[in-house]
N, C-alpha and C. Protein backbone atom coordinates (compact mmCIF):
# COMPACT_ATOMS: atom_id res chain seq x y z
N MET A 1 29.90 -161.87 -82.67
CA MET A 1 31.24 -161.77 -82.12
C MET A 1 32.26 -161.97 -83.25
N VAL A 2 33.28 -161.16 -83.27
CA VAL A 2 34.31 -161.23 -84.29
C VAL A 2 35.47 -162.04 -83.73
N GLY A 3 35.83 -163.13 -84.40
CA GLY A 3 36.91 -164.00 -83.95
C GLY A 3 38.25 -163.53 -84.46
N ALA A 4 39.31 -164.16 -83.95
CA ALA A 4 40.67 -163.78 -84.31
C ALA A 4 40.95 -164.00 -85.80
N GLY A 5 40.29 -164.98 -86.41
CA GLY A 5 40.54 -165.25 -87.82
C GLY A 5 39.50 -164.65 -88.74
N SER A 6 38.70 -163.76 -88.21
CA SER A 6 37.61 -163.20 -89.00
C SER A 6 38.14 -162.26 -90.07
N ARG A 7 37.31 -162.01 -91.05
CA ARG A 7 37.67 -161.10 -92.14
C ARG A 7 37.99 -159.71 -91.61
N CYS A 8 37.23 -159.23 -90.64
CA CYS A 8 37.47 -157.90 -90.08
C CYS A 8 38.84 -157.83 -89.43
N ASP A 9 39.22 -158.90 -88.70
CA ASP A 9 40.50 -158.92 -88.03
C ASP A 9 41.64 -158.96 -89.05
N ARG A 10 41.49 -159.77 -90.10
CA ARG A 10 42.52 -159.84 -91.14
C ARG A 10 42.66 -158.50 -91.83
N GLN A 11 41.55 -157.83 -92.10
CA GLN A 11 41.60 -156.52 -92.73
C GLN A 11 42.31 -155.52 -91.84
N ALA A 12 42.04 -155.57 -90.55
CA ALA A 12 42.68 -154.65 -89.62
C ALA A 12 44.19 -154.87 -89.59
N ARG A 13 44.62 -156.13 -89.61
CA ARG A 13 46.05 -156.42 -89.61
C ARG A 13 46.70 -155.94 -90.89
N SER A 14 46.05 -156.18 -92.04
CA SER A 14 46.65 -155.77 -93.31
C SER A 14 46.70 -154.25 -93.44
N ASP A 15 45.77 -153.55 -92.79
CA ASP A 15 45.79 -152.09 -92.84
C ASP A 15 47.00 -151.52 -92.09
N LYS A 16 47.52 -152.26 -91.11
CA LYS A 16 48.69 -151.81 -90.38
C LYS A 16 49.92 -151.82 -91.27
N HIS A 17 49.96 -152.73 -92.23
CA HIS A 17 51.11 -152.88 -93.10
C HIS A 17 50.66 -152.97 -94.55
N PRO A 18 50.07 -151.88 -95.09
CA PRO A 18 49.53 -151.94 -96.45
C PRO A 18 50.58 -152.19 -97.52
N SER A 19 51.85 -151.88 -97.24
CA SER A 19 52.88 -152.08 -98.26
C SER A 19 53.06 -153.56 -98.56
N TRP A 20 52.80 -154.45 -97.61
CA TRP A 20 52.91 -155.88 -97.87
C TRP A 20 51.85 -156.30 -98.87
N ARG A 21 50.69 -155.70 -98.76
CA ARG A 21 49.56 -156.09 -99.59
C ARG A 21 49.62 -155.41 -100.96
N ALA A 22 49.95 -154.15 -101.00
CA ALA A 22 49.83 -153.39 -102.23
C ALA A 22 51.17 -153.08 -102.90
N GLY A 23 52.26 -153.34 -102.23
CA GLY A 23 53.55 -152.97 -102.81
C GLY A 23 53.71 -151.46 -102.76
N VAL A 24 54.80 -150.98 -103.27
CA VAL A 24 55.04 -149.55 -103.33
C VAL A 24 54.12 -148.98 -104.40
N SER A 25 53.70 -147.75 -104.20
CA SER A 25 52.79 -147.12 -105.14
C SER A 25 53.28 -147.27 -106.57
N GLY A 26 52.41 -147.75 -107.45
CA GLY A 26 52.75 -147.93 -108.85
C GLY A 26 53.33 -149.29 -109.17
N GLU A 27 53.64 -150.10 -108.16
CA GLU A 27 54.17 -151.44 -108.39
C GLU A 27 53.05 -152.47 -108.37
N GLU A 28 53.37 -153.62 -108.90
CA GLU A 28 52.44 -154.74 -108.88
C GLU A 28 52.15 -155.15 -107.43
N PRO A 29 50.92 -155.48 -107.11
CA PRO A 29 50.59 -155.87 -105.73
C PRO A 29 51.31 -157.14 -105.30
N LEU A 30 51.58 -157.22 -104.02
CA LEU A 30 52.16 -158.43 -103.44
C LEU A 30 51.02 -159.38 -103.09
N ILE A 31 51.25 -160.67 -103.31
CA ILE A 31 50.23 -161.67 -103.00
C ILE A 31 50.82 -162.73 -102.08
N SER A 32 49.96 -163.41 -101.35
CA SER A 32 50.38 -164.42 -100.39
C SER A 32 50.68 -165.74 -101.09
N SER A 33 51.29 -166.66 -100.34
CA SER A 33 51.54 -167.99 -100.89
C SER A 33 50.22 -168.71 -101.17
N GLY A 34 49.19 -168.41 -100.40
CA GLY A 34 47.87 -168.98 -100.67
C GLY A 34 47.31 -168.52 -102.01
N ASP A 35 47.52 -167.23 -102.32
CA ASP A 35 47.09 -166.70 -103.62
C ASP A 35 47.86 -167.36 -104.75
N VAL A 36 49.17 -167.54 -104.56
CA VAL A 36 50.00 -168.21 -105.58
C VAL A 36 49.48 -169.63 -105.79
N ALA A 37 49.24 -170.33 -104.69
CA ALA A 37 48.76 -171.72 -104.77
C ALA A 37 47.44 -171.80 -105.52
N ARG A 38 46.51 -170.91 -105.21
CA ARG A 38 45.20 -170.91 -105.89
C ARG A 38 45.36 -170.67 -107.38
N ARG A 39 46.21 -169.72 -107.75
CA ARG A 39 46.40 -169.41 -109.17
C ARG A 39 47.06 -170.56 -109.93
N LEU A 40 47.91 -171.32 -109.23
CA LEU A 40 48.60 -172.43 -109.89
C LEU A 40 47.88 -173.76 -109.75
N GLY A 41 46.86 -173.81 -108.89
CA GLY A 41 46.12 -175.05 -108.69
C GLY A 41 46.89 -176.07 -107.88
N VAL A 42 47.72 -175.59 -106.94
CA VAL A 42 48.47 -176.48 -106.06
C VAL A 42 48.15 -176.11 -104.61
N THR A 43 48.72 -176.85 -103.67
CA THR A 43 48.49 -176.56 -102.26
C THR A 43 49.47 -175.50 -101.77
N THR A 44 49.13 -174.87 -100.65
CA THR A 44 50.04 -173.90 -100.06
C THR A 44 51.29 -174.61 -99.54
N ARG A 45 51.16 -175.86 -99.14
CA ARG A 45 52.34 -176.64 -98.71
C ARG A 45 53.32 -176.81 -99.86
N ALA A 46 52.79 -177.02 -101.08
CA ALA A 46 53.67 -177.15 -102.25
C ALA A 46 54.45 -175.86 -102.47
N VAL A 47 53.77 -174.73 -102.38
CA VAL A 47 54.43 -173.44 -102.55
C VAL A 47 55.50 -173.27 -101.46
N GLY A 48 55.17 -173.62 -100.24
CA GLY A 48 56.14 -173.54 -99.14
C GLY A 48 57.36 -174.42 -99.37
N ARG A 49 57.15 -175.62 -99.90
CA ARG A 49 58.27 -176.52 -100.23
C ARG A 49 59.14 -175.92 -101.32
N TRP A 50 58.52 -175.33 -102.34
CA TRP A 50 59.28 -174.72 -103.43
C TRP A 50 60.16 -173.59 -102.90
N VAL A 51 59.61 -172.80 -101.99
CA VAL A 51 60.38 -171.70 -101.40
C VAL A 51 61.53 -172.28 -100.58
N ALA A 52 61.25 -173.28 -99.75
CA ALA A 52 62.28 -173.89 -98.91
C ALA A 52 63.40 -174.51 -99.73
N ARG A 53 63.06 -175.06 -100.89
CA ARG A 53 64.06 -175.70 -101.75
C ARG A 53 64.74 -174.72 -102.71
N GLY A 54 64.35 -173.46 -102.66
CA GLY A 54 64.96 -172.46 -103.53
C GLY A 54 64.42 -172.48 -104.95
N MET A 55 63.31 -173.17 -105.16
CA MET A 55 62.72 -173.26 -106.49
C MET A 55 61.86 -172.04 -106.80
N LEU A 56 61.47 -171.31 -105.77
CA LEU A 56 60.63 -170.12 -105.91
C LEU A 56 61.10 -169.12 -104.86
N THR A 57 61.34 -167.90 -105.28
CA THR A 57 61.85 -166.88 -104.38
C THR A 57 60.79 -165.79 -104.16
N PRO A 58 60.41 -165.56 -102.91
CA PRO A 58 59.43 -164.49 -102.65
C PRO A 58 60.03 -163.12 -102.90
N ALA A 59 59.18 -162.16 -103.23
CA ALA A 59 59.63 -160.77 -103.43
C ALA A 59 60.06 -160.17 -102.10
N VAL A 60 59.32 -160.49 -101.04
CA VAL A 60 59.64 -160.01 -99.69
C VAL A 60 59.20 -161.05 -98.67
N ARG A 61 59.76 -160.90 -97.48
CA ARG A 61 59.33 -161.66 -96.31
C ARG A 61 58.80 -160.66 -95.30
N THR A 62 57.67 -160.95 -94.72
CA THR A 62 57.12 -160.06 -93.71
C THR A 62 57.91 -160.23 -92.42
N PRO A 63 57.81 -159.30 -91.48
CA PRO A 63 58.49 -159.47 -90.19
C PRO A 63 58.07 -160.77 -89.49
N GLY A 64 56.89 -161.26 -89.79
CA GLY A 64 56.41 -162.51 -89.21
C GLY A 64 56.91 -163.75 -89.95
N GLY A 65 57.71 -163.56 -91.00
CA GLY A 65 58.29 -164.69 -91.73
C GLY A 65 57.45 -165.19 -92.89
N ARG A 66 56.37 -164.50 -93.21
CA ARG A 66 55.50 -164.91 -94.32
C ARG A 66 56.08 -164.46 -95.65
N SER A 67 55.87 -165.27 -96.67
CA SER A 67 56.34 -164.93 -98.02
C SER A 67 55.28 -164.11 -98.75
N ARG A 68 55.73 -163.11 -99.48
CA ARG A 68 54.87 -162.33 -100.35
C ARG A 68 55.50 -162.31 -101.74
N PHE A 69 54.67 -162.47 -102.75
CA PHE A 69 55.14 -162.62 -104.12
C PHE A 69 54.50 -161.59 -105.03
N ARG A 70 55.15 -161.34 -106.16
CA ARG A 70 54.55 -160.61 -107.27
C ARG A 70 54.24 -161.65 -108.32
N TRP A 71 53.01 -161.68 -108.81
CA TRP A 71 52.57 -162.73 -109.73
C TRP A 71 53.46 -162.80 -110.97
N SER A 72 53.85 -161.67 -111.52
CA SER A 72 54.69 -161.69 -112.71
C SER A 72 56.05 -162.33 -112.43
N GLU A 73 56.58 -162.13 -111.22
CA GLU A 73 57.86 -162.74 -110.85
C GLU A 73 57.71 -164.25 -110.68
N VAL A 74 56.58 -164.68 -110.11
CA VAL A 74 56.32 -166.12 -109.97
C VAL A 74 56.29 -166.76 -111.35
N GLN A 75 55.54 -166.15 -112.27
CA GLN A 75 55.44 -166.69 -113.62
C GLN A 75 56.81 -166.76 -114.29
N ALA A 76 57.61 -165.71 -114.14
CA ALA A 76 58.94 -165.69 -114.75
C ALA A 76 59.84 -166.77 -114.16
N GLN A 77 59.79 -166.94 -112.84
CA GLN A 77 60.61 -167.97 -112.19
C GLN A 77 60.20 -169.37 -112.65
N LEU A 78 58.91 -169.61 -112.76
CA LEU A 78 58.45 -170.92 -113.20
C LEU A 78 58.80 -171.18 -114.65
N ARG A 79 58.70 -170.13 -115.49
CA ARG A 79 59.10 -170.27 -116.90
C ARG A 79 60.58 -170.61 -117.01
N GLU A 80 61.39 -169.93 -116.22
CA GLU A 80 62.83 -170.17 -116.22
C GLU A 80 63.14 -171.60 -115.77
N ARG A 81 62.47 -172.05 -114.73
CA ARG A 81 62.69 -173.43 -114.25
C ARG A 81 62.25 -174.43 -115.30
N GLN A 82 61.16 -174.15 -115.98
CA GLN A 82 60.67 -175.06 -117.01
C GLN A 82 61.67 -175.11 -118.17
N HIS A 83 62.23 -173.97 -118.52
CA HIS A 83 63.21 -173.90 -119.61
C HIS A 83 64.49 -174.65 -119.23
N ASP A 84 64.84 -174.62 -117.94
CA ASP A 84 66.08 -175.24 -117.47
C ASP A 84 65.95 -176.74 -117.20
N SER A 85 64.78 -177.32 -117.45
CA SER A 85 64.62 -178.75 -117.19
C SER A 85 64.25 -179.49 -118.47
N ARG A 86 64.49 -180.77 -118.46
CA ARG A 86 64.16 -181.63 -119.60
C ARG A 86 62.66 -181.88 -119.61
N PRO A 87 62.14 -182.42 -120.69
CA PRO A 87 60.70 -182.71 -120.75
C PRO A 87 60.21 -183.64 -119.64
N ASP A 88 61.10 -184.51 -119.13
CA ASP A 88 60.68 -185.41 -118.04
C ASP A 88 60.78 -184.76 -116.67
N GLY A 89 61.20 -183.47 -116.63
CA GLY A 89 61.24 -182.72 -115.37
C GLY A 89 62.59 -182.75 -114.68
N THR A 90 63.56 -183.53 -115.17
CA THR A 90 64.88 -183.57 -114.54
C THR A 90 65.68 -182.37 -114.98
N PRO A 91 66.54 -181.85 -114.08
CA PRO A 91 67.33 -180.65 -114.44
C PRO A 91 68.35 -180.96 -115.53
N ARG A 92 68.61 -179.94 -116.36
CA ARG A 92 69.68 -180.07 -117.36
C ARG A 92 71.01 -179.78 -116.69
N GLN A 93 72.03 -180.46 -117.11
CA GLN A 93 73.36 -180.30 -116.53
C GLN A 93 74.15 -179.24 -117.26
């Protein structure tokens, strides 16, 4: 039996909206907040907090309110934030 959270069901949902997953033809693929979290070694809650606080901006929001990112944009945003803060992590004035 295939459950609601099964891989087949997730694949079927993503096939309905492939642009969320793959981006426009020729563009970098869009990734979920879970993918961002895994690549950065943090929790998905941390990524969600960063988005809520304006520290990280998603490339798009799905109609369901989910954030989708481009990895290169995430890296650029984090580099910019790192450059804008002091070594102890406090923002520069």
